[in-house]
Amino acid sequence: MHLVPAERADRRTIDGHRVCDAIAAIGEPGHVRTWADRFSLLADPGRLALLLALDRAGPLAVSDLAVATGMNDPAVSQALRLLRAAAVVVGEKEGRVVRYRVVDPLVADLLKHCTADAD
């Protein structure tokens, strides 16, 4: 049980080698936190709908996303603000119009799994 932290070494285990495998699979707490944050962005149905629309249809403006998702413009803007802050999407300005697209490759890969059954 070489991977068990010292503060947990006195706890009883049933399958010590599997405990070490589990600890190795979990990895660094910071890495787990990063993935948890990424999943929390996808956990909101509105944000997930926006991301699916952007992933499938390409760059879209706020008003187009609002129509596509059934959300109102301010709700779309708020969700995009969170997604931009997390570096999941970027907005590219063309004149007075800003179109958003997914730029996080890991999120894009996850979105492909969300729609795999639809194909």
PDB file of N, CA and C in Angstrom:
ATOM      1  N   MET A   1       0.838  -1.178   0.000  1.00  0.00           N
ATOM      2  CA  MET A   1       0.000   0.000   0.000  1.00  0.00           C
ATOM      3  C   MET A   1       0.882   1.240   0.000  1.00  0.00           C
ATOM      4  N   HIS A   2       1.760   1.287  -0.944  1.00  0.00           N
ATOM      5  CA  HIS A   2       2.762   2.346  -1.024  1.00  0.00           C
ATOM      6  C   HIS A   2       2.191   3.698  -1.441  1.00  0.00           C
ATOM      7  N   LEU A   3       0.982   3.752  -2.046  1.00  0.00           N
ATOM      8  CA  LEU A   3       0.424   5.033  -2.482  1.00  0.00           C
ATOM      9  C   LEU A   3      -0.505   5.678  -1.463  1.00  0.00           C
ATOM     10  N   VAL A   4      -0.826   4.985  -0.405  1.00  0.00           N
ATOM     11  CA  VAL A   4      -1.737   5.521   0.602  1.00  0.00           C
ATOM     12  C   VAL A   4      -1.020   6.623   1.379  1.00  0.00           C
ATOM     13  N   PRO A   5      -1.618   7.817   1.426  1.00  0.00           N
ATOM     14  CA  PRO A   5      -0.995   8.901   2.193  1.00  0.00           C
ATOM     15  C   PRO A   5      -0.867   8.539   3.667  1.00  0.00           C
ATOM     16  N   ALA A   6       0.121   9.093   4.303  1.00  0.00           N
ATOM     17  CA  ALA A   6       0.427   8.776   5.700  1.00  0.00           C
ATOM     18  C   ALA A   6      -0.778   8.974   6.617  1.00  0.00           C
ATOM     19  N   GLU A   7      -1.577  10.021   6.353  1.00  0.00           N
ATOM     20  CA  GLU A   7      -2.724  10.290   7.239  1.00  0.00           C
ATOM     21  C   GLU A   7      -3.842   9.255   7.090  1.00  0.00           C
ATOM     22  N   ARG A   8      -3.764   8.391   6.081  1.00  0.00           N
ATOM     23  CA  ARG A   8      -4.765   7.335   5.891  1.00  0.00           C
ATOM     24  C   ARG A   8      -4.177   5.934   6.040  1.00  0.00           C
ATOM     25  N   ALA A   9      -2.899   5.847   6.348  1.00  0.00           N
ATOM     26  CA  ALA A   9      -2.208   4.556   6.393  1.00  0.00           C
ATOM     27  C   ALA A   9      -2.715   3.639   7.504  1.00  0.00           C
ATOM     28  N   ASP A  10      -3.311   4.192   8.536  1.00  0.00           N
ATOM     29  CA  ASP A  10      -3.779   3.357   9.640  1.00  0.00           C
ATOM     30  C   ASP A  10      -5.180   2.797   9.412  1.00  0.00           C
ATOM     31  N   ARG A  11      -5.811   3.146   8.318  1.00  0.00           N
ATOM     32  CA  ARG A  11      -7.156   2.643   8.023  1.00  0.00           C
ATOM     33  C   ARG A  11      -7.092   1.223   7.478  1.00  0.00           C
ATOM     34  N   ARG A  12      -8.114   0.469   7.800  1.00  0.00           N
ATOM     35  CA  ARG A  12      -8.208  -0.922   7.362  1.00  0.00           C
ATOM     36  C   ARG A  12      -8.639  -0.970   5.897  1.00  0.00           C
ATOM     37  N   THR A  13      -8.015  -1.837   5.126  1.00  0.00           N
ATOM     38  CA  THR A  13      -8.410  -2.044   3.735  1.00  0.00           C
ATOM     39  C   THR A  13      -8.685  -3.519   3.500  1.00  0.00           C
ATOM     40  N   ILE A  14      -9.444  -3.797   2.485  1.00  0.00           N
ATOM     41  CA  ILE A  14      -9.752  -5.177   2.116  1.00  0.00           C
ATOM     42  C   ILE A  14      -8.807  -5.621   0.999  1.00  0.00           C
ATOM     43  N   ASP A  15      -8.714  -4.807  -0.033  1.00  0.00           N
ATOM     44  CA  ASP A  15      -7.855  -5.109  -1.186  1.00  0.00           C
ATOM     45  C   ASP A  15      -6.846  -3.985  -1.357  1.00  0.00           C
ATOM     46  N   GLY A  16      -5.758  -4.075  -0.615  1.00  0.00           N
ATOM     47  CA  GLY A  16      -4.755  -3.022  -0.614  1.00  0.00           C
ATOM     48  C   GLY A  16      -4.208  -2.671  -1.986  1.00  0.00           C
ATOM     49  N   HIS A  17      -3.979  -3.675  -2.829  1.00  0.00           N
ATOM     50  CA  HIS A  17      -3.442  -3.388  -4.159  1.00  0.00           C
ATOM     51  C   HIS A  17      -4.447  -2.611  -5.003  1.00  0.00           C
ATOM     52  N   ARG A  18      -5.744  -2.875  -4.807  1.00  0.00           N
ATOM     53  CA  ARG A  18      -6.764  -2.123  -5.543  1.00  0.00           C
ATOM     54  C   ARG A  18      -6.884  -0.701  -5.015  1.00  0.00           C
ATOM     55  N   VAL A  19      -6.645  -0.529  -3.738  1.00  0.00           N
ATOM     56  CA  VAL A  19      -6.642   0.816  -3.170  1.00  0.00           C
ATOM     57  C   VAL A  19      -5.544   1.638  -3.838  1.00  0.00           C
ATOM     58  N   CYS A  20      -4.372   1.051  -3.990  1.00  0.00           N
ATOM     59  CA  CYS A  20      -3.269   1.758  -4.662  1.00  0.00           C
ATOM     60  C   CYS A  20      -3.616   2.048  -6.115  1.00  0.00           C
ATOM     61  N   ASP A  21      -4.245   1.091  -6.796  1.00  0.00           N
ATOM     62  CA  ASP A  21      -4.677   1.320  -8.177  1.00  0.00           C
ATOM     63  C   ASP A  21      -5.691   2.468  -8.244  1.00  0.00           C
ATOM     64  N   ALA A  22      -6.600   2.503  -7.276  1.00  0.00           N
ATOM     65  CA  ALA A  22      -7.610   3.562  -7.243  1.00  0.00           C
ATOM     66  C   ALA A  22      -6.970   4.922  -6.990  1.00  0.00           C
ATOM     67  N   ILE A  23      -6.014   4.976  -6.082  1.00  0.00           N
ATOM     68  CA  ILE A  23      -5.316   6.236  -5.799  1.00  0.00           C
ATOM     69  C   ILE A  23      -4.572   6.709  -7.036  1.00  0.00           C
ATOM     70  N   ALA A  24      -3.929   5.791  -7.739  1.00  0.00           N
ATOM     71  CA  ALA A  24      -3.214   6.151  -8.969  1.00  0.00           C
ATOM     72  C   ALA A  24      -4.191   6.642 -10.030  1.00  0.00           C
ATOM     73  N   ALA A  25      -5.359   6.012 -10.119  1.00  0.00           N
ATOM     74  CA  ALA A  25      -6.355   6.410 -11.110  1.00  0.00           C
ATOM     75  C   ALA A  25      -6.919   7.804 -10.824  1.00  0.00           C
ATOM     76  N   ILE A  26      -7.078   8.125  -9.555  1.00  0.00           N
ATOM     77  CA  ILE A  26      -7.604   9.444  -9.176  1.00  0.00           C
ATOM     78  C   ILE A  26      -6.599  10.522  -9.537  1.00  0.00           C
ATOM     79  N   GLY A  27      -5.343  10.293  -9.289  1.00  0.00           N
ATOM     80  CA  GLY A  27      -4.310  11.252  -9.648  1.00  0.00           C
ATOM     81  C   GLY A  27      -4.250  12.444  -8.705  1.00  0.00           C
ATOM     82  N   GLU A  28      -3.689  13.511  -9.217  1.00  0.00           N
ATOM     83  CA  GLU A  28      -3.484  14.720  -8.417  1.00  0.00           C
ATOM     84  C   GLU A  28      -4.811  15.435  -8.150  1.00  0.00           C
ATOM     85  N   PRO A  29      -5.014  15.947  -6.928  1.00  0.00           N
ATOM     86  CA  PRO A  29      -6.245  16.658  -6.604  1.00  0.00           C
ATOM     87  C   PRO A  29      -6.512  17.855  -7.530  1.00  0.00           C
ATOM     88  N   GLY A  30      -5.479  18.540  -7.942  1.00  0.00           N
ATOM     89  CA  GLY A  30      -5.661  19.683  -8.842  1.00  0.00           C
ATOM     90  C   GLY A  30      -6.220  19.261 -10.189  1.00  0.00           C
ATOM     91  N   HIS A  31      -5.785  18.111 -10.669  1.00  0.00           N
ATOM     92  CA  HIS A  31      -6.283  17.584 -11.935  1.00  0.00           C
ATOM     93  C   HIS A  31      -7.759  17.194 -11.803  1.00  0.00           C
ATOM     94  N   VAL A  32      -8.105  16.572 -10.681  1.00  0.00           N
ATOM     95  CA  VAL A  32      -9.494  16.196 -10.421  1.00  0.00           C
ATOM     96  C   VAL A  32     -10.364  17.451 -10.353  1.00  0.00           C
ATOM     97  N   ARG A  33      -9.876  18.500  -9.693  1.00  0.00           N
ATOM     98  CA  ARG A  33     -10.617  19.756  -9.578  1.00  0.00           C
ATOM     99  C   ARG A  33     -10.844  20.378 -10.958  1.00  0.00           C
ATOM    100  N   THR A  34      -9.844  20.346 -11.819  1.00  0.00           N
ATOM    101  CA  THR A  34      -9.971  20.897 -13.172  1.00  0.00           C
ATOM    102  C   THR A  34     -11.081  20.187 -13.944  1.00  0.00           C
ATOM    103  N   TRP A  35     -11.094  18.855 -13.868  1.00  0.00           N
ATOM    104  CA  TRP A  35     -12.135  18.105 -14.556  1.00  0.00           C
ATOM    105  C   TRP A  35     -13.504  18.335 -13.925  1.00  0.00           C
ATOM    106  N   ALA A  36     -13.569  18.440 -12.613  1.00  0.00           N
ATOM    107  CA  ALA A  36     -14.842  18.704 -11.949  1.00  0.00           C
ATOM    108  C   ALA A  36     -15.395  20.061 -12.380  1.00  0.00           C
ATOM    109  N   ASP A  37     -14.523  21.050 -12.483  1.00  0.00           N
ATOM    110  CA  ASP A  37     -14.952  22.372 -12.948  1.00  0.00           C
ATOM    111  C   ASP A  37     -15.461  22.297 -14.384  1.00  0.00           C
ATOM    112  N   ARG A  38     -14.771  21.555 -15.214  1.00  0.00           N
ATOM    113  CA  ARG A  38     -15.182  21.400 -16.618  1.00  0.00           C
ATOM    114  C   ARG A  38     -16.558  20.728 -16.684  1.00  0.00           C
ATOM    115  N   PHE A  39     -16.740  19.669 -15.902  1.00  0.00           N
ATOM    116  CA  PHE A  39     -18.031  18.987 -15.897  1.00  0.00           C
ATOM    117  C   PHE A  39     -19.137  19.879 -15.332  1.00  0.00           C
ATOM    118  N   SER A  40     -18.811  20.731 -14.373  1.00  0.00           N
ATOM    119  CA  SER A  40     -19.845  21.616 -13.818  1.00  0.00           C
ATOM    120  C   SER A  40     -20.350  22.596 -14.872  1.00  0.00           C
ATOM    121  N   LEU A  41     -19.481  22.998 -15.786  1.00  0.00           N
ATOM    122  CA  LEU A  41     -19.931  23.848 -16.885  1.00  0.00           C
ATOM    123  C   LEU A  41     -20.929  23.115 -17.770  1.00  0.00           C
ATOM    124  N   LEU A  42     -20.723  21.829 -17.960  1.00  0.00           N
ATOM    125  CA  LEU A  42     -21.601  21.027 -18.806  1.00  0.00           C
ATOM    126  C   LEU A  42     -22.865  20.580 -18.071  1.00  0.00           C
ATOM    127  N   ALA A  43     -22.884  20.690 -16.749  1.00  0.00           N
ATOM    128  CA  ALA A  43     -24.001  20.192 -15.949  1.00  0.00           C
ATOM    129  C   ALA A  43     -25.255  21.052 -16.076  1.00  0.00           C
ATOM    130  N   ASP A  44     -25.112  22.289 -16.504  1.00  0.00           N
ATOM    131  CA  ASP A  44     -26.265  23.169 -16.670  1.00  0.00           C
ATOM    132  C   ASP A  44     -26.878  22.921 -18.049  1.00  0.00           C
ATOM    133  N   PRO A  45     -28.174  22.593 -18.128  1.00  0.00           N
ATOM    134  CA  PRO A  45     -28.793  22.293 -19.421  1.00  0.00           C
ATOM    135  C   PRO A  45     -28.686  23.438 -20.436  1.00  0.00           C
ATOM    136  N   GLY A  46     -28.790  24.673 -19.976  1.00  0.00           N
ATOM    137  CA  GLY A  46     -28.674  25.813 -20.891  1.00  0.00           C
ATOM    138  C   GLY A  46     -27.287  25.915 -21.490  1.00  0.00           C
ATOM    139  N   ARG A  47     -26.263  25.822 -20.645  1.00  0.00           N
ATOM    140  CA  ARG A  47     -24.889  25.893 -21.154  1.00  0.00           C
ATOM    141  C   ARG A  47     -24.577  24.712 -22.056  1.00  0.00           C
ATOM    142  N   LEU A  48     -25.061  23.537 -21.676  1.00  0.00           N
ATOM    143  CA  LEU A  48     -24.831  22.369 -22.511  1.00  0.00           C
ATOM    144  C   LEU A  48     -25.505  22.538 -23.873  1.00  0.00           C
ATOM    145  N   ALA A  49     -26.715  23.050 -23.886  1.00  0.00           N
ATOM    146  CA  ALA A  49     -27.411  23.290 -25.158  1.00  0.00           C
ATOM    147  C   ALA A  49     -26.631  24.277 -26.022  1.00  0.00           C
ATOM    148  N   LEU A  50     -26.124  25.340 -25.413  1.00  0.00           N
ATOM    149  CA  LEU A  50     -25.321  26.311 -26.159  1.00  0.00           C
ATOM    150  C   LEU A  50     -24.082  25.655 -26.757  1.00  0.00           C
ATOM    151  N   LEU A  51     -23.392  24.870 -25.952  1.00  0.00           N
ATOM    152  CA  LEU A  51     -22.173  24.222 -26.419  1.00  0.00           C
ATOM    153  C   LEU A  51     -22.457  23.215 -27.527  1.00  0.00           C
ATOM    154  N   LEU A  52     -23.550  22.470 -27.391  1.00  0.00           N
ATOM    155  CA  LEU A  52     -23.910  21.524 -28.447  1.00  0.00           C
ATOM    156  C   LEU A  52     -24.219  22.259 -29.745  1.00  0.00           C
ATOM    157  N   ALA A  53     -24.949  23.363 -29.638  1.00  0.00           N
ATOM    158  CA  ALA A  53     -25.275  24.155 -30.828  1.00  0.00           C
ATOM    159  C   ALA A  53     -24.010  24.693 -31.478  1.00  0.00           C
ATOM    160  N   LEU A  54     -23.114  25.240 -30.668  1.00  0.00           N
ATOM    161  CA  LEU A  54     -21.867  25.787 -31.217  1.00  0.00           C
ATOM    162  C   LEU A  54     -20.994  24.696 -31.820  1.00  0.00           C
ATOM    163  N   ASP A  55     -20.952  23.548 -31.172  1.00  0.00           N
ATOM    164  CA  ASP A  55     -20.120  22.460 -31.668  1.00  0.00           C
ATOM    165  C   ASP A  55     -20.638  21.943 -33.007  1.00  0.00           C
ATOM    166  N   ARG A  56     -21.943  21.818 -33.138  1.00  0.00           N
ATOM    167  CA  ARG A  56     -22.525  21.257 -34.347  1.00  0.00           C
ATOM    168  C   ARG A  56     -22.693  22.273 -35.473  1.00  0.00           C
ATOM    169  N   ALA A  57     -23.081  23.508 -35.138  1.00  0.00           N
ATOM    170  CA  ALA A  57     -23.425  24.483 -36.174  1.00  0.00           C
ATOM    171  C   ALA A  57     -22.304  25.466 -36.473  1.00  0.00           C
ATOM    172  N   GLY A  58     -21.298  25.498 -35.629  1.00  0.00           N
ATOM    173  CA  GLY A  58     -20.209  26.437 -35.852  1.00  0.00           C
ATOM    174  C   GLY A  58     -20.485  27.770 -35.189  1.00  0.00           C
ATOM    175  N   PRO A  59     -19.696  28.784 -35.510  1.00  0.00           N
ATOM    176  CA  PRO A  59     -19.834  30.081 -34.839  1.00  0.00           C
ATOM    177  C   PRO A  59     -21.232  30.678 -34.992  1.00  0.00           C
ATOM    178  N   LEU A  60     -21.790  31.111 -33.853  1.00  0.00           N
ATOM    179  CA  LEU A  60     -23.125  31.714 -33.833  1.00  0.00           C
ATOM    180  C   LEU A  60     -23.139  32.936 -32.923  1.00  0.00           C
ATOM    181  N   ALA A  61     -24.000  33.878 -33.253  1.00  0.00           N
ATOM    182  CA  ALA A  61     -24.193  35.087 -32.454  1.00  0.00           C
ATOM    183  C   ALA A  61     -25.182  34.805 -31.327  1.00  0.00           C
ATOM    184  N   VAL A  62     -25.205  35.697 -30.342  1.00  0.00           N
ATOM    185  CA  VAL A  62     -26.071  35.544 -29.168  1.00  0.00           C
ATOM    186  C   VAL A  62     -27.528  35.382 -29.577  1.00  0.00           C
ATOM    187  N   SER A  63     -28.023  36.242 -30.461  1.00  0.00           N
ATOM    188  CA  SER A  63     -29.440  36.174 -30.841  1.00  0.00           C
ATOM    189  C   SER A  63     -29.763  34.857 -31.545  1.00  0.00           C
ATOM    190  N   ASP A  64     -28.855  34.366 -32.367  1.00  0.00           N
ATOM    191  CA  ASP A  64     -29.078  33.084 -33.042  1.00  0.00           C
ATOM    192  C   ASP A  64     -29.062  31.929 -32.038  1.00  0.00           C
ATOM    193  N   LEU A  65     -28.161  32.001 -31.079  1.00  0.00           N
ATOM    194  CA  LEU A  65     -28.119  30.977 -30.036  1.00  0.00           C
ATOM    195  C   LEU A  65     -29.387  30.997 -29.192  1.00  0.00           C
ATOM    196  N   ALA A  66     -29.911  32.193 -28.926  1.00  0.00           N
ATOM    197  CA  ALA A  66     -31.148  32.311 -28.151  1.00  0.00           C
ATOM    198  C   ALA A  66     -32.302  31.619 -28.874  1.00  0.00           C
ATOM    199  N   VAL A  67     -32.411  31.845 -30.179  1.00  0.00           N
ATOM    200  CA  VAL A  67     -33.471  31.203 -30.956  1.00  0.00           C
ATOM    201  C   VAL A  67     -33.265  29.688 -30.979  1.00  0.00           C
ATOM    202  N   ALA A  68     -32.038  29.252 -31.199  1.00  0.00           N
ATOM    203  CA  ALA A  68     -31.741  27.824 -31.307  1.00  0.00           C
ATOM    204  C   ALA A  68     -32.016  27.078 -30.007  1.00  0.00           C
ATOM    205  N   THR A  69     -31.725  27.699 -28.877  1.00  0.00           N
ATOM    206  CA  THR A  69     -31.841  27.009 -27.582  1.00  0.00           C
ATOM    207  C   THR A  69     -33.153  27.292 -26.851  1.00  0.00           C
ATOM    208  N   GLY A  70     -33.873  28.325 -27.283  1.00  0.00           N
ATOM    209  CA  GLY A  70     -35.094  28.705 -26.572  1.00  0.00           C
ATOM    210  C   GLY A  70     -34.826  29.562 -25.347  1.00  0.00           C
ATOM    211  N   MET A  71     -33.592  29.987 -25.172  1.00  0.00           N
ATOM    212  CA  MET A  71     -33.222  30.861 -24.055  1.00  0.00           C
ATOM    213  C   MET A  71     -33.421  32.308 -24.495  1.00  0.00           C
ATOM    214  N   ASN A  72     -33.449  33.233 -23.527  1.00  0.00           N
ATOM    215  CA  ASN A  72     -33.497  34.642 -23.914  1.00  0.00           C
ATOM    216  C   ASN A  72     -32.070  35.180 -24.057  1.00  0.00           C
ATOM    217  N   ASP A  73     -31.948  36.305 -24.755  1.00  0.00           N
ATOM    218  CA  ASP A  73     -30.624  36.868 -25.034  1.00  0.00           C
ATOM    219  C   ASP A  73     -29.787  37.104 -23.773  1.00  0.00           C
ATOM    220  N   PRO A  74     -30.344  37.697 -22.705  1.00  0.00           N
ATOM    221  CA  PRO A  74     -29.516  37.911 -21.504  1.00  0.00           C
ATOM    222  C   PRO A  74     -29.022  36.598 -20.875  1.00  0.00           C
ATOM    223  N   ALA A  75     -29.847  35.564 -20.902  1.00  0.00           N
ATOM    224  CA  ALA A  75     -29.426  34.273 -20.340  1.00  0.00           C
ATOM    225  C   ALA A  75     -28.295  33.675 -21.180  1.00  0.00           C
ATOM    226  N   VAL A  76     -28.401  33.816 -22.498  1.00  0.00           N
ATOM    227  CA  VAL A  76     -27.335  33.329 -23.377  1.00  0.00           C
ATOM    228  C   VAL A  76     -26.048  34.091 -23.097  1.00  0.00           C
ATOM    229  N   SER A  77     -26.158  35.413 -22.993  1.00  0.00           N
ATOM    230  CA  SER A  77     -24.973  36.243 -22.731  1.00  0.00           C
ATOM    231  C   SER A  77     -24.311  35.867 -21.416  1.00  0.00           C
ATOM    232  N   GLN A  78     -25.118  35.642 -20.383  1.00  0.00           N
ATOM    233  CA  GLN A  78     -24.578  35.269 -19.070  1.00  0.00           C
ATOM    234  C   GLN A  78     -23.865  33.918 -19.149  1.00  0.00           C
ATOM    235  N   ALA A  79     -24.482  32.960 -19.813  1.00  0.00           N
ATOM    236  CA  ALA A  79     -23.859  31.636 -19.949  1.00  0.00           C
ATOM    237  C   ALA A  79     -22.563  31.735 -20.745  1.00  0.00           C
ATOM    238  N   LEU A  80     -22.564  32.510 -21.812  1.00  0.00           N
ATOM    239  CA  LEU A  80     -21.352  32.672 -22.616  1.00  0.00           C
ATOM    240  C   LEU A  80     -20.250  33.366 -21.823  1.00  0.00           C
ATOM    241  N   ARG A  81     -20.634  34.269 -20.936  1.00  0.00           N
ATOM    242  CA  ARG A  81     -19.637  34.937 -20.088  1.00  0.00           C
ATOM    243  C   ARG A  81     -18.902  33.908 -19.232  1.00  0.00           C
ATOM    244  N   LEU A  82     -19.649  32.977 -18.649  1.00  0.00           N
ATOM    245  CA  LEU A  82     -19.028  31.912 -17.845  1.00  0.00           C
ATOM    246  C   LEU A  82     -18.154  31.005 -18.707  1.00  0.00           C
ATOM    247  N   LEU A  83     -18.644  30.664 -19.877  1.00  0.00           N
ATOM    248  CA  LEU A  83     -17.885  29.780 -20.769  1.00  0.00           C
ATOM    249  C   LEU A  83     -16.626  30.464 -21.302  1.00  0.00           C
ATOM    250  N   ARG A  84     -16.704  31.770 -21.540  1.00  0.00           N
ATOM    251  CA  ARG A  84     -15.503  32.520 -21.957  1.00  0.00           C
ATOM    252  C   ARG A  84     -14.492  32.568 -20.826  1.00  0.00           C
ATOM    253  N   ALA A  85     -14.962  32.838 -19.614  1.00  0.00           N
ATOM    254  CA  ALA A  85     -14.066  32.918 -18.449  1.00  0.00           C
ATOM    255  C   ALA A  85     -13.337  31.596 -18.221  1.00  0.00           C
ATOM    256  N   ALA A  86     -13.984  30.495 -18.566  1.00  0.00           N
ATOM    257  CA  ALA A  86     -13.370  29.181 -18.406  1.00  0.00           C
ATOM    258  C   ALA A  86     -12.563  28.774 -19.645  1.00  0.00           C
ATOM    259  N   ALA A  87     -12.465  29.667 -20.613  1.00  0.00           N
ATOM    260  CA  ALA A  87     -11.714  29.423 -21.858  1.00  0.00           C
ATOM    261  C   ALA A  87     -12.267  28.241 -22.653  1.00  0.00           C
ATOM    262  N   VAL A  88     -13.577  28.055 -22.576  1.00  0.00           N
ATOM    263  CA  VAL A  88     -14.238  26.994 -23.337  1.00  0.00           C
ATOM    264  C   VAL A  88     -14.689  27.524 -24.698  1.00  0.00           C
ATOM    265  N   VAL A  89     -15.123  28.786 -24.724  1.00  0.00           N
ATOM    266  CA  VAL A  89     -15.533  29.420 -25.979  1.00  0.00           C
ATOM    267  C   VAL A  89     -14.808  30.750 -26.130  1.00  0.00           C
ATOM    268  N   VAL A  90     -14.750  31.228 -27.357  1.00  0.00           N
ATOM    269  CA  VAL A  90     -14.267  32.584 -27.635  1.00  0.00           C
ATOM    270  C   VAL A  90     -15.261  33.247 -28.561  1.00  0.00           C
ATOM    271  N   GLY A  91     -15.298  34.572 -28.452  1.00  0.00           N
ATOM    272  CA  GLY A  91     -16.118  35.361 -29.352  1.00  0.00           C
ATOM    273  C   GLY A  91     -15.226  36.078 -30.342  1.00  0.00           C
ATOM    274  N   GLU A  92     -15.640  36.060 -31.591  1.00  0.00           N
ATOM    275  CA  GLU A  92     -14.878  36.737 -32.641  1.00  0.00           C
ATOM    276  C   GLU A  92     -15.782  37.790 -33.268  1.00  0.00           C
ATOM    277  N   LYS A  93     -15.321  39.019 -33.216  1.00  0.00           N
ATOM    278  CA  LYS A  93     -16.128  40.134 -33.686  1.00  0.00           C
ATOM    279  C   LYS A  93     -15.964  40.313 -35.192  1.00  0.00           C
ATOM    280  N   GLU A  94     -17.100  40.438 -35.871  1.00  0.00           N
ATOM    281  CA  GLU A  94     -17.141  40.746 -37.299  1.00  0.00           C
ATOM    282  C   GLU A  94     -18.050  41.961 -37.457  1.00  0.00           C
ATOM    283  N   GLY A  95     -17.456  43.115 -37.549  1.00  0.00           N
ATOM    284  CA  GLY A  95     -18.261  44.336 -37.561  1.00  0.00           C
ATOM    285  C   GLY A  95     -18.920  44.520 -36.204  1.00  0.00           C
ATOM    286  N   ARG A  96     -20.242  44.577 -36.195  1.00  0.00           N
ATOM    287  CA  ARG A  96     -20.971  44.741 -34.931  1.00  0.00           C
ATOM    288  C   ARG A  96     -21.443  43.409 -34.347  1.00  0.00           C
ATOM    289  N   VAL A  97     -21.182  42.333 -35.045  1.00  0.00           N
ATOM    290  CA  VAL A  97     -21.664  41.017 -34.625  1.00  0.00           C
ATOM    291  C   VAL A  97     -20.513  40.219 -34.010  1.00  0.00           C
ATOM    292  N   VAL A  98     -20.801  39.600 -32.864  1.00  0.00           N
ATOM    293  CA  VAL A  98     -19.838  38.705 -32.226  1.00  0.00           C
ATOM    294  C   VAL A  98     -20.372  37.286 -32.364  1.00  0.00           C
ATOM    295  N   ARG A  99     -19.568  36.436 -32.972  1.00  0.00           N
ATOM    296  CA  ARG A  99     -19.931  35.026 -33.110  1.00  0.00           C
ATOM    297  C   ARG A  99     -19.027  34.207 -32.189  1.00  0.00           C
ATOM    298  N   TYR A 100     -19.644  33.240 -31.517  1.00  0.00           N
ATOM    299  CA  TYR A 100     -18.934  32.420 -30.539  1.00  0.00           C
ATOM    300  C   TYR A 100     -18.674  31.034 -31.112  1.00  0.00           C
ATOM    301  N   ARG A 101     -17.563  30.444 -30.654  1.00  0.00           N
ATOM    302  CA  ARG A 101     -17.231  29.075 -31.050  1.00  0.00           C
ATOM    303  C   ARG A 101     -16.527  28.372 -29.908  1.00  0.00           C
ATOM    304  N   VAL A 102     -16.610  27.055 -29.907  1.00  0.00           N
ATOM    305  CA  VAL A 102     -15.951  26.217 -28.893  1.00  0.00           C
ATOM    306  C   VAL A 102     -14.470  26.125 -29.245  1.00  0.00           C
ATOM    307  N   VAL A 103     -13.609  26.397 -28.256  1.00  0.00           N
ATOM    308  CA  VAL A 103     -12.164  26.321 -28.483  1.00  0.00           C
ATOM    309  C   VAL A 103     -11.457  25.318 -27.578  1.00  0.00           C
ATOM    310  N   ASP A 104     -12.136  24.837 -26.554  1.00  0.00           N
ATOM    311  CA  ASP A 104     -11.518  23.849 -25.656  1.00  0.00           C
ATOM    312  C   ASP A 104     -11.647  22.472 -26.300  1.00  0.00           C
ATOM    313  N   PRO A 105     -10.527  21.874 -26.713  1.00  0.00           N
ATOM    314  CA  PRO A 105     -10.606  20.585 -27.419  1.00  0.00           C
ATOM    315  C   PRO A 105     -11.151  19.451 -26.550  1.00  0.00           C
ATOM    316  N   LEU A 106     -10.906  19.503 -25.254  1.00  0.00           N
ATOM    317  CA  LEU A 106     -11.417  18.443 -24.377  1.00  0.00           C
ATOM    318  C   LEU A 106     -12.930  18.522 -24.249  1.00  0.00           C
ATOM    319  N   VAL A 107     -13.461  19.742 -24.138  1.00  0.00           N
ATOM    320  CA  VAL A 107     -14.908  19.917 -24.089  1.00  0.00           C
ATOM    321  C   VAL A 107     -15.515  19.509 -25.431  1.00  0.00           C
ATOM    322  N   ALA A 108     -14.873  19.879 -26.525  1.00  0.00           N
ATOM    323  CA  ALA A 108     -15.372  19.492 -27.848  1.00  0.00           C
ATOM    324  C   ALA A 108     -15.458  17.974 -27.968  1.00  0.00           C
ATOM    325  N   ASP A 109     -14.457  17.266 -27.451  1.00  0.00           N
ATOM    326  CA  ASP A 109     -14.491  15.800 -27.478  1.00  0.00           C
ATOM    327  C   ASP A 109     -15.650  15.258 -26.643  1.00  0.00           C
ATOM    328  N   LEU A 110     -15.883  15.851 -25.467  1.00  0.00           N
ATOM    329  CA  LEU A 110     -16.997  15.423 -24.625  1.00  0.00           C
ATOM    330  C   LEU A 110     -18.328  15.660 -25.335  1.00  0.00           C
ATOM    331  N   LEU A 111     -18.449  16.782 -26.029  1.00  0.00           N
ATOM    332  CA  LEU A 111     -19.691  17.097 -26.737  1.00  0.00           C
ATOM    333  C   LEU A 111     -19.971  16.084 -27.841  1.00  0.00           C
ATOM    334  N   LYS A 112     -18.938  15.599 -28.460  1.00  0.00           N
ATOM    335  CA  LYS A 112     -19.131  14.582 -29.505  1.00  0.00           C
ATOM    336  C   LYS A 112     -19.769  13.321 -28.911  1.00  0.00           C
ATOM    337  N   HIS A 113     -19.407  12.995 -27.688  1.00  0.00           N
ATOM    338  CA  HIS A 113     -20.011  11.840 -27.021  1.00  0.00           C
ATOM    339  C   HIS A 113     -21.470  12.103 -26.667  1.00  0.00           C
ATOM    340  N   CYS A 114     -21.798  13.344 -26.366  1.00  0.00           N
ATOM    341  CA  CYS A 114     -23.183  13.709 -26.021  1.00  0.00           C
ATOM    342  C   CYS A 114     -24.115  13.517 -27.205  1.00  0.00           C
ATOM    343  N   THR A 115     -23.598  13.667 -28.393  1.00  0.00           N
ATOM    344  CA  THR A 115     -24.450  13.589 -29.581  1.00  0.00           C
ATOM    345  C   THR A 115     -24.184  12.350 -30.413  1.00  0.00           C
ATOM    346  N   ALA A 116     -23.363  11.445 -29.919  1.00  0.00           N
ATOM    347  CA  ALA A 116     -23.028  10.245 -30.696  1.00  0.00           C
ATOM    348  C   ALA A 116     -24.259   9.407 -30.996  1.00  0.00           C
ATOM    349  N   ASP A 117     -25.205   9.342 -30.063  1.00  0.00           N
ATOM    350  CA  ASP A 117     -26.424   8.546 -30.273  1.00  0.00           C
ATOM    351  C   ASP A 117     -27.346   9.173 -31.304  1.00  0.00           C
ATOM    352  N   ALA A 118     -27.217  10.484 -31.507  1.00  0.00           N
ATOM    353  CA  ALA A 118     -28.100  11.169 -32.442  1.00  0.00           C
ATOM    354  C   ALA A 118     -27.702  10.929 -33.891  1.00  0.00           C
ATOM    355  N   ASP A 119     -26.480  10.483 -34.112  1.00  0.00           N
ATOM    356  CA  ASP A 119     -26.022  10.277 -35.497  1.00  0.00           C
ATOM    357  C   ASP A 119     -26.491   8.964 -36.076  1.00  0.00           C
TER     358      ASP A 119
END
